[in-house]
Amino acid sequence: MISKNDRRNKIKARIRGRISGTPERPRLCVFRSNKQIYAQVIDDVAGNTIVSASSKGITEGNKSEIAAKVGEAVAKKALEAGINTVVFDRNGFLFHGRVKSLADGARKGGLKF
């Protein structure tokens, strides 16, 4: 039987085979743990992280509301860095719940993807 983590890694490899971040349109990568959620805007050509945000330090609200705040925070930082369009990388996670909330928060913050 295939484990949940192996399944996610297989999906992640399939996604990363198709999408890549460029300097004009970097990749918005999401990582979700049981307690926290993290988002990074990555330029894969240069191999560096441009901006990042996490849920550490945010305590008010449930996990989905916190994820939306992280999305808005990463969008604000990206707009300050001159980035307004990104490619969304769900990193093997299903696009619902906290991952969807983060994406909606980033769109609300002004990012286009």
C-alpha atoms as a PDB file:
ATOM      1  CA  MET A   1       0.000   0.000   0.000  1.00  0.00           C
ATOM      2  CA  ILE A   2       1.283   3.449  -0.918  1.00  0.00           C
ATOM      3  CA  SER A   3       1.615   5.900   1.962  1.00  0.00           C
ATOM      4  CA  LYS A   4       0.010   9.314   2.035  1.00  0.00           C
ATOM      5  CA  ASN A   5       3.425  10.992   1.856  1.00  0.00           C
ATOM      6  CA  ASP A   6       4.538   8.876  -1.122  1.00  0.00           C
ATOM      7  CA  ARG A   7       1.303   9.761  -2.928  1.00  0.00           C
ATOM      8  CA  ARG A   8       1.912  13.473  -2.273  1.00  0.00           C
ATOM      9  CA  ASN A   9       5.504  13.230  -3.508  1.00  0.00           C
ATOM     10  CA  LYS A  10       4.336  11.528  -6.705  1.00  0.00           C
ATOM     11  CA  ILE A  11       1.773  14.290  -7.352  1.00  0.00           C
ATOM     12  CA  LYS A  12       4.403  16.910  -6.448  1.00  0.00           C
ATOM     13  CA  ALA A  13       6.861  15.508  -9.008  1.00  0.00           C
ATOM     14  CA  ARG A  14       4.180  15.510 -11.697  1.00  0.00           C
ATOM     15  CA  ILE A  15       3.273  19.145 -10.952  1.00  0.00           C
ATOM     16  CA  ARG A  16       6.912  20.293 -10.859  1.00  0.00           C
ATOM     17  CA  GLY A  17       7.511  18.642 -14.219  1.00  0.00           C
ATOM     18  CA  ARG A  18       4.981  20.997 -15.758  1.00  0.00           C
ATOM     19  CA  ILE A  19       5.489  24.294 -13.945  1.00  0.00           C
ATOM     20  CA  SER A  20       8.574  26.372 -13.236  1.00  0.00           C
ATOM     21  CA  GLY A  21       9.086  29.885 -11.931  1.00  0.00           C
ATOM     22  CA  THR A  22      10.706  32.492 -14.157  1.00  0.00           C
ATOM     23  CA  PRO A  23      11.918  35.980 -13.200  1.00  0.00           C
ATOM     24  CA  GLU A  24       8.848  37.488 -14.954  1.00  0.00           C
ATOM     25  CA  ARG A  25       6.390  34.965 -13.484  1.00  0.00           C
ATOM     26  CA  PRO A  26       7.781  33.243 -10.376  1.00  0.00           C
ATOM     27  CA  ARG A  27       6.286  30.228  -8.625  1.00  0.00           C
ATOM     28  CA  LEU A  28       4.118  30.619  -5.496  1.00  0.00           C
ATOM     29  CA  CYS A  29       4.880  27.439  -3.544  1.00  0.00           C
ATOM     30  CA  VAL A  30       2.749  26.352  -0.575  1.00  0.00           C
ATOM     31  CA  PHE A  31       3.735  23.990   2.241  1.00  0.00           C
ATOM     32  CA  ARG A  32       1.162  22.885   4.770  1.00  0.00           C
ATOM     33  CA  SER A  33       2.062  21.130   8.005  1.00  0.00           C
ATOM     34  CA  ASN A  34      -0.365  20.093  10.729  1.00  0.00           C
ATOM     35  CA  LYS A  35       0.151  23.318  12.677  1.00  0.00           C
ATOM     36  CA  GLN A  36       1.523  25.914  10.245  1.00  0.00           C
ATOM     37  CA  ILE A  37       1.295  26.969   6.605  1.00  0.00           C
ATOM     38  CA  TYR A  38       4.108  28.521   4.592  1.00  0.00           C
ATOM     39  CA  ALA A  39       4.231  30.301   1.226  1.00  0.00           C
ATOM     40  CA  GLN A  40       7.248  31.257  -0.886  1.00  0.00           C
ATOM     41  CA  VAL A  41       7.602  33.100  -4.178  1.00  0.00           C
ATOM     42  CA  ILE A  42      10.486  31.381  -5.973  1.00  0.00           C
ATOM     43  CA  ASP A  43      12.494  32.197  -9.106  1.00  0.00           C
ATOM     44  CA  ASP A  44      13.573  28.745 -10.341  1.00  0.00           C
ATOM     45  CA  VAL A  45      15.915  30.129 -13.012  1.00  0.00           C
ATOM     46  CA  ALA A  46      18.127  31.886 -10.454  1.00  0.00           C
ATOM     47  CA  GLY A  47      17.246  29.325  -7.776  1.00  0.00           C
ATOM     48  CA  ASN A  48      16.324  31.751  -5.029  1.00  0.00           C
ATOM     49  CA  THR A  49      13.351  32.720  -2.891  1.00  0.00           C
ATOM     50  CA  ILE A  50      12.149  36.250  -3.555  1.00  0.00           C
ATOM     51  CA  VAL A  51       9.601  36.631  -0.729  1.00  0.00           C
ATOM     52  CA  SER A  52       8.075  34.339   1.876  1.00  0.00           C
ATOM     53  CA  ALA A  53       5.431  34.346   4.587  1.00  0.00           C
ATOM     54  CA  SER A  54       4.293  31.903   7.236  1.00  0.00           C
ATOM     55  CA  SER A  55       1.594  31.491   9.846  1.00  0.00           C
ATOM     56  CA  LYS A  56       4.056  31.632  12.734  1.00  0.00           C
ATOM     57  CA  GLY A  57       2.968  34.389  15.076  1.00  0.00           C
ATOM     58  CA  ILE A  58      -0.622  34.546  13.783  1.00  0.00           C
ATOM     59  CA  THR A  59      -2.939  33.182  16.478  1.00  0.00           C
ATOM     60  CA  GLU A  60      -6.419  34.644  15.952  1.00  0.00           C
ATOM     61  CA  GLY A  61      -8.866  32.695  13.770  1.00  0.00           C
ATOM     62  CA  ASN A  62      -9.115  29.107  12.625  1.00  0.00           C
ATOM     63  CA  LYS A  63      -6.570  27.443  10.327  1.00  0.00           C
ATOM     64  CA  SER A  64      -8.338  28.491   7.103  1.00  0.00           C
ATOM     65  CA  GLU A  65      -8.576  32.126   8.204  1.00  0.00           C
ATOM     66  CA  ILE A  66      -4.899  32.093   9.180  1.00  0.00           C
ATOM     67  CA  ALA A  67      -4.010  30.628   5.741  1.00  0.00           C
ATOM     68  CA  ALA A  68      -5.929  33.469   4.052  1.00  0.00           C
ATOM     69  CA  LYS A  69      -3.921  36.002   6.099  1.00  0.00           C
ATOM     70  CA  VAL A  70      -0.676  34.311   5.024  1.00  0.00           C
ATOM     71  CA  GLY A  71      -1.839  34.559   1.392  1.00  0.00           C
ATOM     72  CA  GLU A  72      -2.520  38.258   1.766  1.00  0.00           C
ATOM     73  CA  ALA A  73       0.855  38.772   3.472  1.00  0.00           C
ATOM     74  CA  VAL A  74       2.813  37.007   0.722  1.00  0.00           C
ATOM     75  CA  ALA A  75       0.856  38.967  -1.919  1.00  0.00           C
ATOM     76  CA  LYS A  76       1.689  42.257  -0.207  1.00  0.00           C
ATOM     77  CA  LYS A  77       5.394  41.394  -0.037  1.00  0.00           C
ATOM     78  CA  ALA A  78       5.406  40.226  -3.676  1.00  0.00           C
ATOM     79  CA  LEU A  79       3.747  43.438  -4.884  1.00  0.00           C
ATOM     80  CA  GLU A  80       6.359  45.458  -2.950  1.00  0.00           C
ATOM     81  CA  ALA A  81       9.058  43.426  -4.741  1.00  0.00           C
ATOM     82  CA  GLY A  82       7.463  44.266  -8.114  1.00  0.00           C
ATOM     83  CA  ILE A  83       5.790  40.901  -8.770  1.00  0.00           C
ATOM     84  CA  ASN A  84       2.106  40.831  -9.709  1.00  0.00           C
ATOM     85  CA  THR A  85       1.692  37.526 -11.598  1.00  0.00           C
ATOM     86  CA  VAL A  86       2.765  34.114 -10.322  1.00  0.00           C
ATOM     87  CA  VAL A  87       2.373  30.415 -11.098  1.00  0.00           C
ATOM     88  CA  PHE A  88       0.609  28.582  -8.256  1.00  0.00           C
ATOM     89  CA  ASP A  89       2.327  25.428  -6.974  1.00  0.00           C
ATOM     90  CA  ARG A  90       0.131  23.477  -4.563  1.00  0.00           C
ATOM     91  CA  ASN A  91       3.115  21.200  -3.831  1.00  0.00           C
ATOM     92  CA  GLY A  92       1.162  17.935  -4.040  1.00  0.00           C
ATOM     93  CA  PHE A  93      -1.560  19.045  -1.635  1.00  0.00           C
ATOM     94  CA  LEU A  94      -5.195  18.941  -2.726  1.00  0.00           C
ATOM     95  CA  PHE A  95      -6.622  22.332  -3.728  1.00  0.00           C
ATOM     96  CA  HIS A  96      -9.158  22.721  -0.948  1.00  0.00           C
ATOM     97  CA  GLY A  97      -9.212  23.811   2.664  1.00  0.00           C
ATOM     98  CA  ARG A  98      -6.150  25.745   3.787  1.00  0.00           C
ATOM     99  CA  VAL A  99      -4.392  25.630   0.401  1.00  0.00           C
ATOM    100  CA  LYS A 100      -7.467  27.110  -1.316  1.00  0.00           C
ATOM    101  CA  SER A 101      -7.811  29.741   1.444  1.00  0.00           C
ATOM    102  CA  LEU A 102      -4.187  30.785   0.943  1.00  0.00           C
ATOM    103  CA  ALA A 103      -4.716  31.064  -2.831  1.00  0.00           C
ATOM    104  CA  ASP A 104      -7.872  33.132  -2.349  1.00  0.00           C
ATOM    105  CA  GLY A 105      -6.048  35.381   0.126  1.00  0.00           C
ATOM    106  CA  ALA A 106      -3.202  35.902  -2.352  1.00  0.00           C
ATOM    107  CA  ARG A 107      -5.709  36.797  -5.096  1.00  0.00           C
ATOM    108  CA  LYS A 108      -7.457  39.190  -2.700  1.00  0.00           C
ATOM    109  CA  GLY A 109      -4.041  40.719  -1.917  1.00  0.00           C
ATOM    110  CA  GLY A 110      -3.531  41.521  -5.610  1.00  0.00           C
ATOM    111  CA  LEU A 111      -1.599  38.594  -7.103  1.00  0.00           C
ATOM    112  CA  LYS A 112      -2.751  37.178 -10.439  1.00  0.00           C
ATOM    113  CA  PHE A 113      -2.513  33.460 -11.272  1.00  0.00           C
END
